[in-house]
Amino acid sequence: MYELQVEGMTCGGCVNSVKRSVQALDKAAKVDVDLASKKVRIETGADWDAVRSAIENAGYQVTTGSAA
């Protein structure tokens, strides 16, 4: 599981965009986004760099992240 701080999310559309970007890598990924705190928890078998790149390519900045 990865826990990330993702800046730039402001609405439900942003949440869906982040979820879609991760699920494009791994259709079975579980993505939980807390919009208020900008925290994203992801359960996936995808590589950390690929997950980070997918979110950043969707237009959001990953400021911190860790494997939990």
C-alpha atoms as a PDB file:
ATOM      1  CA  MET A   1       0.000   0.000   0.000  1.00  0.00           C
ATOM      2  CA  TYR A   2       1.132   3.513  -0.773  1.00  0.00           C
ATOM      3  CA  GLU A   3       0.210   6.653   1.133  1.00  0.00           C
ATOM      4  CA  LEU A   4       0.657   9.889  -0.790  1.00  0.00           C
ATOM      5  CA  GLN A   5       0.125  13.598  -0.303  1.00  0.00           C
ATOM      6  CA  VAL A   6      -1.282  14.912  -3.581  1.00  0.00           C
ATOM      7  CA  GLU A   7      -1.600  18.652  -4.168  1.00  0.00           C
ATOM      8  CA  GLY A   8      -3.894  20.297  -6.692  1.00  0.00           C
ATOM      9  CA  MET A   9      -7.062  18.296  -6.015  1.00  0.00           C
ATOM     10  CA  THR A  10     -10.010  20.632  -5.450  1.00  0.00           C
ATOM     11  CA  CYS A  11     -13.187  18.705  -6.286  1.00  0.00           C
ATOM     12  CA  GLY A  12     -14.795  15.353  -6.939  1.00  0.00           C
ATOM     13  CA  GLY A  13     -13.659  15.500 -10.547  1.00  0.00           C
ATOM     14  CA  CYS A  14     -10.056  15.699  -9.363  1.00  0.00           C
ATOM     15  CA  VAL A  15     -10.621  12.690  -7.111  1.00  0.00           C
ATOM     16  CA  ASN A  16     -12.003  10.705 -10.056  1.00  0.00           C
ATOM     17  CA  SER A  17      -9.087  11.769 -12.247  1.00  0.00           C
ATOM     18  CA  VAL A  18      -6.566  10.509  -9.670  1.00  0.00           C
ATOM     19  CA  LYS A  19      -8.460   7.229  -9.304  1.00  0.00           C
ATOM     20  CA  ARG A  20      -8.644   6.717 -13.083  1.00  0.00           C
ATOM     21  CA  SER A  21      -4.943   7.450 -13.522  1.00  0.00           C
ATOM     22  CA  VAL A  22      -3.975   4.745 -11.006  1.00  0.00           C
ATOM     23  CA  GLN A  23      -6.550   2.253 -12.257  1.00  0.00           C
ATOM     24  CA  ALA A  24      -5.210   2.683 -15.799  1.00  0.00           C
ATOM     25  CA  LEU A  25      -2.048   0.994 -14.457  1.00  0.00           C
ATOM     26  CA  ASP A  26      -3.855  -1.616 -12.365  1.00  0.00           C
ATOM     27  CA  LYS A  27      -7.583  -2.142 -12.912  1.00  0.00           C
ATOM     28  CA  ALA A  28      -7.842  -3.908  -9.537  1.00  0.00           C
ATOM     29  CA  ALA A  29      -6.182  -1.060  -7.601  1.00  0.00           C
ATOM     30  CA  LYS A  30      -8.095   0.274  -4.610  1.00  0.00           C
ATOM     31  CA  VAL A  31      -7.760   4.054  -4.386  1.00  0.00           C
ATOM     32  CA  ASP A  32      -9.051   5.973  -1.365  1.00  0.00           C
ATOM     33  CA  VAL A  33      -8.852   9.766  -1.603  1.00  0.00           C
ATOM     34  CA  ASP A  34      -9.457  12.177   1.287  1.00  0.00           C
ATOM     35  CA  LEU A  35      -9.986  15.454  -0.541  1.00  0.00           C
ATOM     36  CA  ALA A  36      -9.897  17.604   2.619  1.00  0.00           C
ATOM     37  CA  SER A  37      -6.445  16.395   3.688  1.00  0.00           C
ATOM     38  CA  LYS A  38      -5.260  15.647   0.117  1.00  0.00           C
ATOM     39  CA  LYS A  39      -4.177  12.170   1.218  1.00  0.00           C
ATOM     40  CA  VAL A  40      -4.404   9.244  -1.156  1.00  0.00           C
ATOM     41  CA  ARG A  41      -4.098   5.600  -0.073  1.00  0.00           C
ATOM     42  CA  ILE A  42      -3.550   3.085  -2.831  1.00  0.00           C
ATOM     43  CA  GLU A  43      -3.534  -0.709  -2.724  1.00  0.00           C
ATOM     44  CA  THR A  44      -1.896  -1.910  -5.920  1.00  0.00           C
ATOM     45  CA  GLY A  45       0.740  -4.217  -7.290  1.00  0.00           C
ATOM     46  CA  ALA A  46       1.986  -1.437  -9.577  1.00  0.00           C
ATOM     47  CA  ASP A  47       5.448   0.014  -9.134  1.00  0.00           C
ATOM     48  CA  TRP A  48       5.802   3.169  -6.985  1.00  0.00           C
ATOM     49  CA  ASP A  49       7.407   5.199  -9.777  1.00  0.00           C
ATOM     50  CA  ALA A  50       4.658   4.234 -12.210  1.00  0.00           C
ATOM     51  CA  VAL A  51       1.937   5.241  -9.725  1.00  0.00           C
ATOM     52  CA  ARG A  52       3.595   8.570  -9.000  1.00  0.00           C
ATOM     53  CA  SER A  53       4.118   9.285 -12.704  1.00  0.00           C
ATOM     54  CA  ALA A  54       0.503   8.420 -13.540  1.00  0.00           C
ATOM     55  CA  ILE A  55      -0.825  10.866 -10.937  1.00  0.00           C
ATOM     56  CA  GLU A  56       1.594  13.595 -11.996  1.00  0.00           C
ATOM     57  CA  ASN A  57       0.747  13.045 -15.676  1.00  0.00           C
ATOM     58  CA  ALA A  58      -2.908  13.586 -14.716  1.00  0.00           C
ATOM     59  CA  GLY A  59      -1.916  17.075 -13.551  1.00  0.00           C
ATOM     60  CA  TYR A  60      -1.395  16.679  -9.808  1.00  0.00           C
ATOM     61  CA  GLN A  61       1.721  17.064  -7.696  1.00  0.00           C
ATOM     62  CA  VAL A  62       2.785  14.218  -5.415  1.00  0.00           C
ATOM     63  CA  THR A  63       4.604  15.992  -2.594  1.00  0.00           C
ATOM     64  CA  THR A  64       5.245  13.031  -0.299  1.00  0.00           C
ATOM     65  CA  GLY A  65       4.679   9.334  -0.415  1.00  0.00           C
ATOM     66  CA  SER A  66       5.596   6.125   1.274  1.00  0.00           C
ATOM     67  CA  ALA A  67       4.962   2.426   1.158  1.00  0.00           C
ATOM     68  CA  ALA A  68       2.940   1.387   4.185  1.00  0.00           C
END
